[in-house]
Amino acid sequence: MEQTIDPTLGPVLARTGDERAVLTSFLDFHRAVLLRKLRGLSDADARRRLVPSATTLAGLVKHLTLVERNWFPTLLAPEPGDVYLTSEEDAVASFTLGDQETVAGLVEAYERACARSRAVAASIDLDHVVPHPQLGEVSLRWILVHMIEETARHAGHADILRELTDGEAGAL
């Protein structure tokens, strides 16, 4: 019996595409998975701590918003005043929610950050290399692979947190 592959999945559509198409489709897929984990949740459920760490569904989205900004516009196309964040305090703060932050606002900020990241990445060759404050130099290709790993890892965390919240599981 032949299995049918859902053609709406970007990575499936890009399976014979060039390197950029494959990398960006996998990154966009994991970005979308993360956002699906928040669909239908209240602000209270998205903020709920279900594991010993301070990791929450809403906090994951806030963190990845900062990560998108850090790796794409700030590193690859900085504007005056942009600072690449590297401290442990910055990392902790990226998961910490303010009282007024909502799921809707966090999702909107993440979607804007991802759109900006896509625009920046699309304007730069994969071999383009920039200085990095901790790693020396990195290429756009390396950044895309790193962001796939980072986003997929946190999407997996989100999947577990969502399952603990209401039993909902799965990437789609």
N, C-alpha and C. Protein backbone atom coordinates (compact mmCIF):
# COMPACT_ATOMS: atom_id res chain seq x y z
N MET A 1 0.85 -1.18 0.00
CA MET A 1 0.00 0.00 0.00
C MET A 1 0.90 1.25 0.00
N GLU A 2 0.66 2.13 -0.94
CA GLU A 2 1.47 3.35 -1.06
C GLU A 2 0.99 4.41 -0.09
N GLN A 3 1.95 5.03 0.63
CA GLN A 3 1.60 6.10 1.55
C GLN A 3 1.49 7.41 0.79
N THR A 4 0.52 8.22 1.20
CA THR A 4 0.37 9.53 0.61
C THR A 4 1.03 10.55 1.51
N ILE A 5 1.82 11.41 0.92
CA ILE A 5 2.50 12.47 1.67
C ILE A 5 1.69 13.74 1.51
N ASP A 6 1.41 14.40 2.62
CA ASP A 6 0.66 15.65 2.59
C ASP A 6 1.46 16.70 1.81
N PRO A 7 0.97 17.12 0.64
CA PRO A 7 1.74 18.05 -0.18
C PRO A 7 1.79 19.47 0.38
N THR A 8 1.07 19.76 1.46
CA THR A 8 1.13 21.10 2.04
C THR A 8 2.35 21.30 2.92
N LEU A 9 3.06 20.24 3.20
CA LEU A 9 4.25 20.35 4.03
C LEU A 9 5.41 20.88 3.19
N GLY A 10 5.93 22.03 3.55
CA GLY A 10 7.01 22.66 2.80
C GLY A 10 8.20 21.76 2.55
N PRO A 11 8.70 21.05 3.57
CA PRO A 11 9.86 20.18 3.32
C PRO A 11 9.58 19.10 2.27
N VAL A 12 8.35 18.63 2.20
CA VAL A 12 8.00 17.63 1.19
C VAL A 12 8.01 18.27 -0.19
N LEU A 13 7.46 19.45 -0.29
CA LEU A 13 7.45 20.15 -1.57
C LEU A 13 8.85 20.49 -2.05
N ALA A 14 9.76 20.74 -1.13
CA ALA A 14 11.13 21.12 -1.48
C ALA A 14 12.07 19.93 -1.61
N ARG A 15 11.54 18.72 -1.60
CA ARG A 15 12.39 17.53 -1.53
C ARG A 15 13.35 17.39 -2.71
N THR A 16 13.09 18.04 -3.81
CA THR A 16 14.03 18.03 -4.94
C THR A 16 14.50 19.44 -5.26
N GLY A 17 14.28 20.36 -4.34
CA GLY A 17 14.66 21.76 -4.55
C GLY A 17 16.14 21.99 -4.29
N ASP A 18 16.53 23.23 -4.52
CA ASP A 18 17.92 23.58 -4.26
C ASP A 18 18.15 23.71 -2.75
N GLU A 19 19.39 23.92 -2.39
CA GLU A 19 19.77 23.96 -0.98
C GLU A 19 18.98 25.01 -0.19
N ARG A 20 18.85 26.21 -0.74
CA ARG A 20 18.13 27.27 -0.03
C ARG A 20 16.67 26.87 0.17
N ALA A 21 16.05 26.31 -0.83
CA ALA A 21 14.64 25.91 -0.71
C ALA A 21 14.47 24.86 0.38
N VAL A 22 15.39 23.90 0.44
CA VAL A 22 15.31 22.85 1.46
C VAL A 22 15.50 23.45 2.85
N LEU A 23 16.54 24.25 3.03
CA LEU A 23 16.82 24.83 4.34
C LEU A 23 15.67 25.73 4.82
N THR A 24 15.21 26.62 3.97
CA THR A 24 14.16 27.55 4.40
C THR A 24 12.82 26.85 4.61
N SER A 25 12.54 25.80 3.83
CA SER A 25 11.28 25.10 4.04
C SER A 25 11.27 24.33 5.36
N PHE A 26 12.41 23.73 5.72
CA PHE A 26 12.47 23.05 7.02
C PHE A 26 12.35 24.05 8.17
N LEU A 27 13.00 25.19 8.06
CA LEU A 27 12.89 26.20 9.11
C LEU A 27 11.46 26.70 9.23
N ASP A 28 10.83 27.01 8.10
CA ASP A 28 9.44 27.48 8.14
C ASP A 28 8.50 26.41 8.69
N PHE A 29 8.75 25.15 8.38
CA PHE A 29 7.93 24.07 8.92
C PHE A 29 7.99 24.07 10.44
N HIS A 30 9.18 24.14 11.01
CA HIS A 30 9.31 24.09 12.47
C HIS A 30 8.77 25.37 13.12
N ARG A 31 8.89 26.50 12.45
CA ARG A 31 8.26 27.73 12.95
C ARG A 31 6.76 27.54 13.06
N ALA A 32 6.16 26.95 12.03
CA ALA A 32 4.71 26.72 12.01
C ALA A 32 4.29 25.72 13.08
N VAL A 33 5.09 24.67 13.28
CA VAL A 33 4.78 23.69 14.32
C VAL A 33 4.72 24.38 15.68
N LEU A 34 5.69 25.22 15.96
CA LEU A 34 5.70 25.94 17.24
C LEU A 34 4.40 26.72 17.42
N LEU A 35 3.98 27.44 16.40
CA LEU A 35 2.76 28.24 16.52
C LEU A 35 1.52 27.37 16.66
N ARG A 36 1.52 26.20 16.02
CA ARG A 36 0.36 25.30 16.15
C ARG A 36 0.18 24.84 17.60
N LYS A 37 1.27 24.76 18.34
CA LYS A 37 1.19 24.32 19.73
C LYS A 37 0.41 25.30 20.60
N LEU A 38 0.30 26.55 20.16
CA LEU A 38 -0.44 27.56 20.93
C LEU A 38 -1.89 27.69 20.51
N ARG A 39 -2.23 27.13 19.35
CA ARG A 39 -3.59 27.28 18.82
C ARG A 39 -4.64 26.78 19.81
N GLY A 40 -5.58 27.65 20.13
CA GLY A 40 -6.69 27.29 21.00
C GLY A 40 -6.42 27.36 22.48
N LEU A 41 -5.21 27.75 22.87
CA LEU A 41 -4.89 27.84 24.30
C LEU A 41 -5.22 29.22 24.86
N SER A 42 -5.63 29.25 26.09
CA SER A 42 -5.82 30.53 26.79
C SER A 42 -4.45 31.07 27.18
N ASP A 43 -4.42 32.36 27.51
CA ASP A 43 -3.16 32.95 27.99
C ASP A 43 -2.69 32.21 29.24
N ALA A 44 -3.62 31.86 30.13
CA ALA A 44 -3.24 31.18 31.38
C ALA A 44 -2.62 29.81 31.09
N ASP A 45 -3.19 29.06 30.15
CA ASP A 45 -2.63 27.75 29.82
C ASP A 45 -1.26 27.88 29.16
N ALA A 46 -1.08 28.88 28.30
CA ALA A 46 0.20 29.07 27.61
C ALA A 46 1.30 29.51 28.57
N ARG A 47 0.91 30.13 29.69
CA ARG A 47 1.87 30.61 30.69
C ARG A 47 2.17 29.56 31.76
N ARG A 48 1.37 28.52 31.83
CA ARG A 48 1.47 27.55 32.91
C ARG A 48 2.79 26.80 32.89
N ARG A 49 3.44 26.74 34.04
CA ARG A 49 4.69 25.98 34.20
C ARG A 49 4.33 24.54 34.52
N LEU A 50 4.79 23.63 33.66
CA LEU A 50 4.48 22.22 33.81
C LEU A 50 5.72 21.37 34.03
N VAL A 51 6.88 22.01 33.99
CA VAL A 51 8.16 21.32 34.20
C VAL A 51 8.95 22.12 35.22
N PRO A 52 9.96 21.53 35.84
CA PRO A 52 10.72 22.25 36.87
C PRO A 52 11.36 23.55 36.40
N SER A 53 11.77 23.62 35.14
CA SER A 53 12.37 24.86 34.64
C SER A 53 11.26 25.90 34.42
N ALA A 54 11.66 27.09 34.05
CA ALA A 54 10.70 28.17 33.79
C ALA A 54 10.12 28.10 32.37
N THR A 55 10.34 27.00 31.68
CA THR A 55 9.87 26.86 30.30
C THR A 55 8.36 26.75 30.25
N THR A 56 7.74 27.61 29.44
CA THR A 56 6.30 27.57 29.19
C THR A 56 6.09 27.67 27.68
N LEU A 57 4.89 27.35 27.23
CA LEU A 57 4.59 27.49 25.81
C LEU A 57 4.76 28.94 25.36
N ALA A 58 4.22 29.86 26.12
CA ALA A 58 4.34 31.28 25.76
C ALA A 58 5.80 31.73 25.83
N GLY A 59 6.53 31.26 26.82
CA GLY A 59 7.93 31.61 26.96
C GLY A 59 8.78 31.10 25.80
N LEU A 60 8.44 29.93 25.26
CA LEU A 60 9.17 29.42 24.10
C LEU A 60 9.01 30.33 22.89
N VAL A 61 7.81 30.84 22.69
CA VAL A 61 7.57 31.75 21.56
C VAL A 61 8.32 33.06 21.78
N LYS A 62 8.30 33.56 22.99
CA LYS A 62 9.04 34.79 23.28
C LYS A 62 10.54 34.57 23.05
N HIS A 63 11.06 33.45 23.52
CA HIS A 63 12.48 33.15 23.35
C HIS A 63 12.85 33.07 21.87
N LEU A 64 12.06 32.34 21.10
CA LEU A 64 12.40 32.18 19.69
C LEU A 64 12.24 33.47 18.90
N THR A 65 11.41 34.38 19.38
CA THR A 65 11.33 35.70 18.76
C THR A 65 12.65 36.42 18.90
N LEU A 66 13.22 36.39 20.09
CA LEU A 66 14.53 37.01 20.31
C LEU A 66 15.60 36.31 19.49
N VAL A 67 15.55 35.00 19.41
CA VAL A 67 16.54 34.24 18.66
C VAL A 67 16.48 34.62 17.17
N GLU A 68 15.28 34.73 16.63
CA GLU A 68 15.12 35.16 15.23
C GLU A 68 15.77 36.53 15.01
N ARG A 69 15.47 37.46 15.89
CA ARG A 69 16.02 38.81 15.75
C ARG A 69 17.55 38.81 15.89
N ASN A 70 18.04 38.02 16.83
CA ASN A 70 19.47 37.97 17.10
C ASN A 70 20.24 37.43 15.89
N TRP A 71 19.78 36.31 15.34
CA TRP A 71 20.55 35.63 14.30
C TRP A 71 20.37 36.23 12.91
N PHE A 72 19.24 36.81 12.62
CA PHE A 72 19.04 37.32 11.26
C PHE A 72 19.28 38.83 11.17
N PRO A 73 18.34 39.69 11.56
CA PRO A 73 18.62 41.11 11.35
C PRO A 73 19.80 41.65 12.15
N THR A 74 19.91 41.29 13.41
CA THR A 74 20.98 41.87 14.23
C THR A 74 22.35 41.43 13.76
N LEU A 75 22.50 40.18 13.39
CA LEU A 75 23.80 39.67 12.97
C LEU A 75 24.08 39.94 11.49
N LEU A 76 23.07 39.74 10.64
CA LEU A 76 23.29 39.81 9.20
C LEU A 76 23.00 41.18 8.58
N ALA A 77 22.10 41.93 9.18
CA ALA A 77 21.72 43.23 8.62
C ALA A 77 21.45 44.22 9.74
N PRO A 78 22.45 44.46 10.59
CA PRO A 78 22.22 45.29 11.78
C PRO A 78 21.88 46.74 11.43
N GLU A 79 21.03 47.29 12.25
CA GLU A 79 20.69 48.71 12.17
C GLU A 79 21.38 49.41 13.33
N PRO A 80 21.53 50.72 13.25
CA PRO A 80 22.18 51.44 14.36
C PRO A 80 21.50 51.10 15.69
N GLY A 81 22.31 50.80 16.66
CA GLY A 81 21.80 50.48 18.00
C GLY A 81 21.53 49.01 18.24
N ASP A 82 21.52 48.18 17.18
CA ASP A 82 21.31 46.75 17.38
C ASP A 82 22.49 46.16 18.14
N VAL A 83 22.18 45.32 19.11
CA VAL A 83 23.21 44.65 19.91
C VAL A 83 22.90 43.16 19.90
N TYR A 84 23.90 42.36 19.55
CA TYR A 84 23.75 40.91 19.57
C TYR A 84 23.80 40.45 21.02
N LEU A 85 22.75 39.79 21.49
CA LEU A 85 22.64 39.39 22.89
C LEU A 85 23.32 38.05 23.12
N THR A 86 24.19 38.00 24.13
CA THR A 86 24.95 36.77 24.37
C THR A 86 24.98 36.33 25.83
N SER A 87 24.49 37.15 26.73
CA SER A 87 24.67 36.81 28.15
C SER A 87 23.63 35.80 28.65
N GLU A 88 23.97 35.17 29.75
CA GLU A 88 23.04 34.25 30.40
C GLU A 88 21.79 35.00 30.86
N GLU A 89 21.97 36.24 31.31
CA GLU A 89 20.82 37.06 31.74
C GLU A 89 19.88 37.30 30.56
N ASP A 90 20.44 37.57 29.37
CA ASP A 90 19.61 37.76 28.18
C ASP A 90 18.82 36.50 27.87
N ALA A 91 19.48 35.34 28.00
CA ALA A 91 18.82 34.07 27.72
C ALA A 91 17.65 33.84 28.68
N VAL A 92 17.87 34.07 29.96
CA VAL A 92 16.81 33.88 30.96
C VAL A 92 15.66 34.86 30.68
N ALA A 93 16.00 36.11 30.41
CA ALA A 93 14.98 37.12 30.14
C ALA A 93 14.15 36.79 28.90
N SER A 94 14.75 36.10 27.94
CA SER A 94 14.02 35.79 26.71
C SER A 94 12.87 34.81 26.95
N PHE A 95 12.88 34.08 28.04
CA PHE A 95 11.80 33.16 28.39
C PHE A 95 10.82 33.77 29.40
N THR A 96 11.18 34.90 29.99
CA THR A 96 10.40 35.49 31.08
C THR A 96 9.29 36.36 30.53
N LEU A 97 8.08 36.11 31.00
CA LEU A 97 6.91 36.82 30.49
C LEU A 97 6.53 37.98 31.39
N GLY A 98 6.21 39.10 30.76
CA GLY A 98 5.67 40.23 31.49
C GLY A 98 4.20 40.03 31.75
N ASP A 99 3.66 40.73 32.74
CA ASP A 99 2.26 40.57 33.10
C ASP A 99 1.30 40.88 31.95
N GLN A 100 1.68 41.80 31.09
CA GLN A 100 0.78 42.24 30.02
C GLN A 100 0.94 41.45 28.72
N GLU A 101 1.89 40.53 28.67
CA GLU A 101 2.11 39.78 27.44
C GLU A 101 1.02 38.72 27.26
N THR A 102 0.49 38.65 26.04
CA THR A 102 -0.57 37.71 25.70
C THR A 102 -0.09 36.76 24.61
N VAL A 103 -0.79 35.66 24.47
CA VAL A 103 -0.48 34.72 23.40
C VAL A 103 -0.60 35.44 22.05
N ALA A 104 -1.65 36.19 21.86
CA ALA A 104 -1.85 36.89 20.58
C ALA A 104 -0.69 37.85 20.29
N GLY A 105 -0.26 38.60 21.29
CA GLY A 105 0.84 39.53 21.10
C GLY A 105 2.16 38.82 20.85
N LEU A 106 2.40 37.73 21.55
CA LEU A 106 3.62 36.96 21.36
C LEU A 106 3.67 36.32 19.98
N VAL A 107 2.54 35.79 19.55
CA VAL A 107 2.46 35.18 18.21
C VAL A 107 2.70 36.24 17.14
N GLU A 108 2.08 37.39 17.30
CA GLU A 108 2.26 38.48 16.33
C GLU A 108 3.72 38.92 16.26
N ALA A 109 4.36 39.06 17.40
CA ALA A 109 5.77 39.46 17.43
C ALA A 109 6.65 38.39 16.78
N TYR A 110 6.34 37.13 17.02
CA TYR A 110 7.12 36.03 16.43
C TYR A 110 6.93 36.01 14.91
N GLU A 111 5.70 36.17 14.46
CA GLU A 111 5.45 36.18 13.02
C GLU A 111 6.17 37.34 12.34
N ARG A 112 6.18 38.51 12.98
CA ARG A 112 6.92 39.67 12.42
C ARG A 112 8.42 39.37 12.38
N ALA A 113 8.95 38.80 13.45
CA ALA A 113 10.37 38.48 13.49
C ALA A 113 10.73 37.46 12.41
N CYS A 114 9.89 36.45 12.22
CA CYS A 114 10.15 35.44 11.19
C CYS A 114 10.09 36.05 9.79
N ALA A 115 9.13 36.93 9.56
CA ALA A 115 9.03 37.60 8.26
C ALA A 115 10.29 38.42 7.99
N ARG A 116 10.76 39.14 9.00
CA ARG A 116 11.98 39.93 8.84
C ARG A 116 13.18 39.00 8.60
N SER A 117 13.24 37.89 9.32
CA SER A 117 14.32 36.93 9.12
C SER A 117 14.32 36.40 7.70
N ARG A 118 13.12 36.05 7.19
CA ARG A 118 13.02 35.55 5.82
C ARG A 118 13.54 36.58 4.83
N ALA A 119 13.14 37.84 5.02
CA ALA A 119 13.56 38.90 4.10
C ALA A 119 15.08 39.09 4.13
N VAL A 120 15.65 39.10 5.31
CA VAL A 120 17.10 39.26 5.43
C VAL A 120 17.81 38.08 4.77
N ALA A 121 17.39 36.86 5.09
CA ALA A 121 18.04 35.67 4.54
C ALA A 121 17.91 35.62 3.02
N ALA A 122 16.77 36.01 2.50
CA ALA A 122 16.56 35.97 1.05
C ALA A 122 17.48 36.92 0.30
N SER A 123 17.95 37.96 0.96
CA SER A 123 18.77 38.97 0.30
C SER A 123 20.26 38.67 0.36
N ILE A 124 20.63 37.54 0.97
CA ILE A 124 22.04 37.23 1.22
C ILE A 124 22.36 35.84 0.67
N ASP A 125 23.53 35.71 0.07
CA ASP A 125 24.00 34.43 -0.45
C ASP A 125 24.28 33.47 0.71
N LEU A 126 24.03 32.19 0.50
CA LEU A 126 24.27 31.20 1.55
C LEU A 126 25.72 31.18 2.02
N ASP A 127 26.64 31.53 1.16
CA ASP A 127 28.07 31.53 1.52
C ASP A 127 28.51 32.81 2.22
N HIS A 128 27.61 33.79 2.34
CA HIS A 128 27.96 35.06 2.98
C HIS A 128 28.38 34.80 4.44
N VAL A 129 29.52 35.36 4.82
CA VAL A 129 30.08 35.15 6.16
C VAL A 129 30.09 36.47 6.90
N VAL A 130 29.71 36.42 8.18
CA VAL A 130 29.73 37.61 9.04
C VAL A 130 30.46 37.27 10.33
N PRO A 131 31.02 38.28 10.98
CA PRO A 131 31.64 38.04 12.28
C PRO A 131 30.57 37.71 13.33
N HIS A 132 30.93 36.84 14.24
CA HIS A 132 30.04 36.47 15.34
C HIS A 132 30.80 36.69 16.64
N PRO A 133 30.16 37.31 17.65
CA PRO A 133 30.89 37.67 18.87
C PRO A 133 31.45 36.49 19.67
N GLN A 134 30.91 35.31 19.48
CA GLN A 134 31.40 34.15 20.24
C GLN A 134 32.05 33.09 19.37
N LEU A 135 31.64 32.99 18.11
CA LEU A 135 32.07 31.89 17.26
C LEU A 135 33.13 32.28 16.23
N GLY A 136 33.46 33.54 16.16
CA GLY A 136 34.42 34.00 15.16
C GLY A 136 33.70 34.46 13.91
N GLU A 137 33.38 33.52 13.03
CA GLU A 137 32.62 33.82 11.82
C GLU A 137 31.59 32.74 11.58
N VAL A 138 30.49 33.12 10.95
CA VAL A 138 29.44 32.17 10.57
C VAL A 138 28.91 32.55 9.19
N SER A 139 28.46 31.55 8.45
CA SER A 139 27.84 31.81 7.15
C SER A 139 26.32 31.78 7.31
N LEU A 140 25.62 32.35 6.34
CA LEU A 140 24.16 32.25 6.35
C LEU A 140 23.74 30.79 6.34
N ARG A 141 24.43 29.96 5.59
CA ARG A 141 24.11 28.52 5.56
C ARG A 141 24.15 27.94 6.97
N TRP A 142 25.21 28.24 7.72
CA TRP A 142 25.35 27.73 9.08
C TRP A 142 24.22 28.27 9.96
N ILE A 143 23.89 29.55 9.80
CA ILE A 143 22.81 30.15 10.60
C ILE A 143 21.49 29.44 10.32
N LEU A 144 21.20 29.17 9.06
CA LEU A 144 19.95 28.48 8.74
C LEU A 144 19.90 27.09 9.36
N VAL A 145 20.99 26.35 9.28
CA VAL A 145 21.02 25.01 9.90
C VAL A 145 20.86 25.13 11.42
N HIS A 146 21.57 26.08 12.01
CA HIS A 146 21.44 26.29 13.46
C HIS A 146 20.00 26.64 13.83
N MET A 147 19.37 27.50 13.05
CA MET A 147 18.00 27.92 13.37
C MET A 147 17.00 26.78 13.18
N ILE A 148 17.25 25.89 12.23
CA ILE A 148 16.41 24.69 12.10
C ILE A 148 16.52 23.87 13.38
N GLU A 149 17.75 23.66 13.83
CA GLU A 149 17.99 22.87 15.04
C GLU A 149 17.34 23.54 16.26
N GLU A 150 17.57 24.82 16.42
CA GLU A 150 17.05 25.55 17.58
C GLU A 150 15.53 25.56 17.60
N THR A 151 14.93 25.84 16.45
CA THR A 151 13.48 25.92 16.37
C THR A 151 12.84 24.55 16.54
N ALA A 152 13.43 23.53 15.91
CA ALA A 152 12.89 22.17 16.04
C ALA A 152 12.98 21.67 17.48
N ARG A 153 14.09 21.96 18.13
CA ARG A 153 14.26 21.54 19.53
C ARG A 153 13.18 22.16 20.40
N HIS A 154 12.95 23.46 20.22
CA HIS A 154 11.93 24.11 21.05
C HIS A 154 10.52 23.74 20.62
N ALA A 155 10.31 23.42 19.35
CA ALA A 155 9.00 22.92 18.93
C ALA A 155 8.72 21.58 19.60
N GLY A 156 9.76 20.76 19.78
CA GLY A 156 9.60 19.51 20.52
C GLY A 156 9.25 19.74 21.97
N HIS A 157 9.91 20.74 22.58
CA HIS A 157 9.53 21.10 23.95
C HIS A 157 8.06 21.52 23.99
N ALA A 158 7.67 22.33 23.01
CA ALA A 158 6.28 22.83 22.96
C ALA A 158 5.30 21.67 22.80
N ASP A 159 5.67 20.68 22.02
CA ASP A 159 4.80 19.52 21.83
C ASP A 159 4.55 18.81 23.15
N ILE A 160 5.61 18.63 23.93
CA ILE A 160 5.47 17.97 25.23
C ILE A 160 4.63 18.83 26.17
N LEU A 161 4.90 20.14 26.22
CA LEU A 161 4.13 21.02 27.10
C LEU A 161 2.66 21.05 26.71
N ARG A 162 2.38 21.05 25.41
CA ARG A 162 0.98 21.05 24.98
C ARG A 162 0.30 19.75 25.37
N GLU A 163 0.99 18.64 25.21
CA GLU A 163 0.42 17.36 25.61
C GLU A 163 0.15 17.34 27.11
N LEU A 164 1.02 17.90 27.91
CA LEU A 164 0.80 17.99 29.35
C LEU A 164 -0.35 18.93 29.70
N THR A 165 -0.57 19.93 28.86
CA THR A 165 -1.64 20.89 29.10
C THR A 165 -3.02 20.31 28.88
N ASP A 166 -3.23 19.71 27.70
CA ASP A 166 -4.59 19.26 27.38
C ASP A 166 -4.64 17.96 26.59
N GLY A 167 -3.51 17.27 26.48
CA GLY A 167 -3.48 15.99 25.78
C GLY A 167 -3.27 16.11 24.29
N GLU A 168 -3.28 17.30 23.75
CA GLU A 168 -3.08 17.49 22.30
C GLU A 168 -1.63 17.20 21.96
N ALA A 169 -1.41 16.36 20.94
CA ALA A 169 -0.05 15.98 20.56
C ALA A 169 0.08 15.91 19.05
N GLY A 170 1.30 15.92 18.57
CA GLY A 170 1.58 15.80 17.15
C GLY A 170 2.01 17.11 16.53
N ALA A 171 2.79 17.02 15.45
CA ALA A 171 3.31 18.22 14.79
C ALA A 171 2.22 18.99 14.08
N LEU A 172 1.21 18.32 13.58
CA LEU A 172 0.19 19.00 12.82
C LEU A 172 -1.09 19.09 13.60
